């Protein structure tokens, strides 16, 4: 679990969570929804490179972990909005 804490950037998790939520609710086709983890993983890596103004494996990994963590938080976010 320390691995995730070391690499997760909460601002990126929040941005990717919101983008994933928007994509999920704007695209009516379920076939596209399977690509949401890919989209938020790439978005997270890009955001972390932009924030750090550098490219390294750790920066890319941190962004991807943060982006993919947002897919796990989607259900909590969805329940929060609908209750």
Protein backbone atom coordinates (compact mmCIF):
# COMPACT_ATOMS: atom_id res chain seq x y z
CA UNK A 1 0.00 0.00 0.00
CA UNK A 2 2.94 2.36 0.53
CA UNK A 3 3.67 2.00 -3.17
CA UNK A 4 0.37 3.66 -4.02
CA UNK A 5 0.86 6.40 -1.45
CA UNK A 6 4.29 7.19 -2.87
CA UNK A 7 3.07 7.55 -6.44
CA UNK A 8 -0.47 8.93 -6.13
CA UNK A 9 -1.00 12.63 -6.80
CA UNK A 10 -4.43 13.60 -5.55
CA UNK A 11 -4.91 16.54 -7.91
CA UNK A 12 -4.42 14.19 -10.86
CA UNK A 13 -6.77 11.63 -9.30
CA UNK A 14 -9.44 14.33 -9.02
CA UNK A 15 -9.01 15.61 -12.57
CA UNK A 16 -9.02 12.10 -14.05
CA UNK A 17 -12.03 11.15 -11.95
CA UNK A 18 -14.01 14.09 -13.31
CA UNK A 19 -12.91 13.46 -16.91
CA UNK A 20 -13.77 9.76 -16.63
CA UNK A 21 -17.17 10.62 -15.16
CA UNK A 22 -17.89 13.04 -17.99
CA UNK A 23 -16.85 10.51 -20.64
CA UNK A 24 -18.96 7.79 -19.00
CA UNK A 25 -22.05 9.99 -18.96
CA UNK A 26 -21.61 11.61 -22.38
CA UNK A 27 -21.02 8.47 -24.39
CA UNK A 28 -24.12 6.31 -24.71
CA UNK A 29 -22.26 3.29 -26.03
CA UNK A 30 -20.96 0.78 -23.49
CA UNK A 31 -18.28 -0.29 -25.99
CA UNK A 32 -16.45 3.02 -25.53
CA UNK A 33 -16.62 2.84 -21.72
CA UNK A 34 -14.08 0.04 -21.66
CA UNK A 35 -11.47 2.54 -22.89
CA UNK A 36 -11.97 4.94 -19.98
CA UNK A 37 -9.08 3.40 -17.95
CA UNK A 38 -6.80 3.85 -20.97
CA UNK A 39 -7.88 7.47 -21.40
CA UNK A 40 -7.43 8.41 -17.74
CA UNK A 41 -4.12 6.52 -17.51
CA UNK A 42 -2.69 8.47 -20.44
CA UNK A 43 -4.24 11.71 -19.16
CA UNK A 44 -2.72 11.14 -15.72
CA UNK A 45 0.74 10.51 -17.18
CA UNK A 46 0.46 13.61 -19.37
CA UNK A 47 -0.69 15.78 -16.47
CA UNK A 48 2.15 14.60 -14.24
CA UNK A 49 4.72 15.29 -16.98
CA UNK A 50 3.18 18.76 -17.41
CA UNK A 51 3.15 19.46 -13.66
CA UNK A 52 6.79 18.38 -13.21
CA UNK A 53 8.04 19.75 -16.55
CA UNK A 54 10.16 16.62 -16.87
CA UNK A 55 9.89 13.09 -18.18
CA UNK A 56 11.12 10.10 -16.21
CA UNK A 57 9.77 6.62 -15.54
CA UNK A 58 8.74 7.63 -12.00
CA UNK A 59 6.85 10.69 -13.24
CA UNK A 60 5.03 8.65 -15.87
CA UNK A 61 4.28 5.88 -13.35
CA UNK A 62 2.97 8.37 -10.79
CA UNK A 63 0.64 9.89 -13.33
CA UNK A 64 -0.61 6.55 -14.57
CA UNK A 65 -1.19 5.22 -11.05
CA UNK A 66 -3.10 8.39 -10.20
CA UNK A 67 -5.18 8.21 -13.36
CA UNK A 68 -6.02 4.55 -12.89
CA UNK A 69 -6.84 5.09 -9.21
CA UNK A 70 -9.58 7.42 -10.37
CA UNK A 71 -11.36 4.51 -12.05
CA UNK A 72 -11.52 2.77 -8.69
CA UNK A 73 -13.00 5.85 -7.05
CA UNK A 74 -15.65 6.27 -9.74
CA UNK A 75 -18.28 4.21 -7.93
CA UNK A 76 -17.84 6.19 -4.71
CA UNK A 77 -18.06 9.45 -6.67
CA UNK A 78 -21.13 8.21 -8.56
CA UNK A 79 -22.94 7.23 -5.34
CA UNK A 80 -22.04 10.58 -3.77
CA UNK A 81 -23.63 12.49 -6.66
CA UNK A 82 -26.78 10.39 -6.82
CA UNK A 83 -27.62 10.24 -3.11
